């Protein structure tokens, strides 16, 4: 859940269009077809973002995401540790 919260936070801050699609563990042919359609649309969208935000926008976004995700996991670990402390 931490990564999802981090992504949602960044998407809002960066003012990006984003829709998370959760499919579970089983990947069917219809899901594969949707994935191909979304990847094609993403390629076009990412190129427009490159013009708007700069060539390395995706690397910066991914770096911020990794930082936020790590912070969320540290918070969760701290909460678990505090529950396990007598």
Protein backbone atom coordinates (compact mmCIF):
# COMPACT_ATOMS: atom_id res chain seq x y z
CA UNK A 1 0.00 0.00 0.00
CA UNK A 2 2.91 2.37 0.66
CA UNK A 3 3.98 2.48 -2.98
CA UNK A 4 0.41 3.26 -4.07
CA UNK A 5 0.21 6.14 -1.60
CA UNK A 6 3.54 7.46 -2.86
CA UNK A 7 2.43 7.24 -6.50
CA UNK A 8 -0.90 8.94 -5.76
CA UNK A 9 0.88 11.73 -3.89
CA UNK A 10 3.40 12.33 -6.69
CA UNK A 11 0.81 12.17 -9.45
CA UNK A 12 -1.20 14.85 -7.70
CA UNK A 13 1.85 17.04 -7.05
CA UNK A 14 3.12 16.69 -10.61
CA UNK A 15 -0.40 17.21 -12.02
CA UNK A 16 -0.27 14.03 -14.13
CA UNK A 17 -3.06 11.95 -15.61
CA UNK A 18 -2.86 8.53 -14.02
CA UNK A 19 -5.10 5.55 -13.57
CA UNK A 20 -4.03 2.48 -11.65
CA UNK A 21 -5.32 -0.80 -12.99
CA UNK A 22 -5.24 -3.71 -10.59
CA UNK A 23 -5.63 -7.13 -12.14
CA UNK A 24 -4.64 -9.57 -9.45
CA UNK A 25 -2.32 -12.50 -10.02
CA UNK A 26 -3.93 -14.05 -13.09
CA UNK A 27 -2.99 -12.39 -16.36
CA UNK A 28 -5.48 -13.23 -19.10
CA UNK A 29 -5.31 -12.51 -22.84
CA UNK A 30 -7.74 -9.62 -22.44
CA UNK A 31 -5.53 -8.08 -19.75
CA UNK A 32 -2.49 -8.48 -22.02
CA UNK A 33 -4.39 -6.74 -24.83
CA UNK A 34 -5.33 -3.87 -22.52
CA UNK A 35 -1.73 -3.62 -21.39
CA UNK A 36 -0.57 -3.21 -25.00
CA UNK A 37 -3.19 -0.50 -25.63
CA UNK A 38 -2.19 1.39 -22.48
CA UNK A 39 1.52 1.11 -23.26
CA UNK A 40 0.91 2.65 -26.69
CA UNK A 41 -1.09 5.52 -25.18
CA UNK A 42 1.53 5.95 -22.44
CA UNK A 43 4.29 6.32 -25.02
CA UNK A 44 2.46 9.25 -26.58
CA UNK A 45 1.63 10.78 -23.18
CA UNK A 46 5.20 10.38 -21.92
CA UNK A 47 6.54 12.16 -25.02
CA UNK A 48 4.21 15.10 -24.33
CA UNK A 49 5.39 15.14 -20.71
CA UNK A 50 8.99 15.18 -21.89
CA UNK A 51 8.24 18.36 -23.86
CA UNK A 52 6.43 19.89 -20.89
CA UNK A 53 8.64 18.74 -17.99
CA UNK A 54 12.01 18.10 -19.58
CA UNK A 55 13.92 15.15 -20.90
CA UNK A 56 14.66 13.53 -17.53
CA UNK A 57 11.23 13.98 -15.92
CA UNK A 58 10.67 10.21 -15.61
CA UNK A 59 13.97 9.60 -13.83
CA UNK A 60 13.21 12.42 -11.41
CA UNK A 61 9.69 11.10 -10.83
CA UNK A 62 11.01 7.56 -10.22
CA UNK A 63 13.65 8.86 -7.80
CA UNK A 64 11.04 10.79 -5.82
CA UNK A 65 8.79 7.73 -5.83
CA UNK A 66 11.57 5.54 -4.46
CA UNK A 67 12.26 8.07 -1.70
CA UNK A 68 8.58 8.34 -0.70
CA UNK A 69 8.14 4.57 -0.81
CA UNK A 70 11.19 4.09 1.44
CA UNK A 71 9.84 6.65 3.88
CA UNK A 72 6.48 4.84 3.98
CA UNK A 73 8.19 1.51 4.68
CA UNK A 74 10.29 3.04 7.46
CA UNK A 75 7.11 4.40 9.04
CA UNK A 76 5.41 1.00 8.80
CA UNK A 77 8.47 -0.74 10.26
CA UNK A 78 8.53 1.73 13.14
CA UNK A 79 4.84 1.08 13.84
CA UNK A 80 5.38 -2.70 13.79
CA UNK A 81 8.44 -2.40 16.05
CA UNK A 82 6.48 -0.29 18.54
CA UNK A 83 3.73 -2.93 18.63
CA UNK A 84 6.29 -5.66 19.33
CA UNK A 85 8.04 -3.77 22.13
CA UNK A 86 6.85 -4.88 25.58
